[in-house]
Amino acid sequence: MHADIHLQLHALNAAALQRQASAAARASAAASVVSGTAGPAARAAGSVRVRVGWRLVELGLRLATPADRPVTLVA
């Protein structure tokens, strides 16, 4: 496949994915407005996101701290 065709197909697929993502975001926002809450799935995703974020912070601190100084995180 020529590079030009590959780039055009990629652009078309990317645009389709963008449309799907924006439609899903609008539907999710509309559902949370109607129900008045974000819903358990959104809360669970946020909780996982927070835990992963803190794990990444801990990993970064461990990588940045010399081996002779232990890292202690207090929550």
Protein backbone atom coordinates (compact mmCIF):
# COMPACT_ATOMS: atom_id res chain seq x y z
CA MET A 1 0.00 0.00 0.00
CA HIS A 2 1.35 3.44 -0.87
CA ALA A 3 2.10 5.83 1.97
CA ASP A 4 -0.40 8.41 0.68
CA ILE A 5 -3.25 5.91 0.74
CA HIS A 6 -2.20 4.67 4.17
CA LEU A 7 -2.23 8.23 5.53
CA GLN A 8 -5.66 8.93 4.01
CA LEU A 9 -7.09 5.72 5.50
CA HIS A 10 -5.58 6.61 8.85
CA ALA A 11 -7.12 10.10 8.71
CA LEU A 12 -10.54 8.62 7.87
CA ASN A 13 -10.33 6.08 10.70
CA ALA A 14 -9.15 8.73 13.16
CA ALA A 15 -12.03 11.02 12.21
CA ALA A 16 -14.53 8.18 12.65
CA LEU A 17 -13.10 7.35 16.08
CA GLN A 18 -13.26 11.02 17.09
CA ARG A 19 -16.93 11.18 16.09
CA GLN A 20 -17.70 8.00 18.07
CA ALA A 21 -15.83 9.29 21.13
CA SER A 22 -17.59 12.65 21.09
CA ALA A 23 -20.98 10.97 20.64
CA ALA A 24 -20.29 8.67 23.58
CA ALA A 25 -19.14 11.60 25.72
CA ARG A 26 -22.28 13.56 24.88
CA ALA A 27 -24.47 10.54 25.68
CA SER A 28 -22.68 9.99 28.99
CA ALA A 29 -22.98 13.66 29.94
CA ALA A 30 -26.67 13.68 29.03
CA ALA A 31 -27.30 10.55 31.10
CA SER A 32 -25.58 12.02 34.15
CA VAL A 33 -27.56 15.27 33.80
CA VAL A 34 -30.85 13.38 33.55
CA SER A 35 -30.13 11.10 36.51
CA GLY A 36 -28.46 13.81 38.58
CA THR A 37 -25.41 11.67 39.35
CA ALA A 38 -22.42 10.36 37.50
CA GLY A 39 -23.36 6.71 38.11
CA PRO A 40 -21.46 3.84 39.69
CA ALA A 41 -19.43 3.03 36.58
CA ALA A 42 -18.07 6.56 36.35
CA ARG A 43 -17.29 6.61 40.09
CA ALA A 44 -15.52 3.25 39.82
CA ALA A 45 -13.48 4.45 36.84
CA GLY A 46 -12.53 7.59 38.77
CA SER A 47 -11.51 5.51 41.77
CA VAL A 48 -9.31 3.27 39.63
CA ARG A 49 -7.82 6.32 37.96
CA VAL A 50 -6.93 7.83 41.33
CA ARG A 51 -5.35 4.61 42.60
CA VAL A 52 -3.30 4.19 39.42
CA GLY A 53 -2.23 7.83 39.65
CA TRP A 54 -0.97 7.41 43.19
CA ARG A 55 0.85 4.21 42.24
CA LEU A 56 2.60 6.13 39.45
CA VAL A 57 3.56 8.87 41.90
CA GLU A 58 4.99 6.26 44.25
CA LEU A 59 6.92 4.64 41.39
CA GLY A 60 8.31 8.01 40.32
CA LEU A 61 9.43 8.76 43.87
CA ARG A 62 11.10 5.38 44.13
CA LEU A 63 12.95 5.97 40.87
CA ALA A 64 14.01 9.48 41.87
CA THR A 65 15.08 8.66 45.43
CA PRO A 66 18.54 7.23 46.13
CA ALA A 67 18.60 3.60 47.26
CA ASP A 68 19.84 4.45 50.78
CA ARG A 69 16.76 6.63 51.54
CA PRO A 70 13.47 4.69 51.76
CA VAL A 71 10.26 6.28 50.46
CA THR A 72 7.37 6.56 52.92
CA LEU A 73 3.98 7.72 51.65
CA VAL A 74 1.41 8.82 54.21
CA ALA A 75 -2.16 8.94 52.95
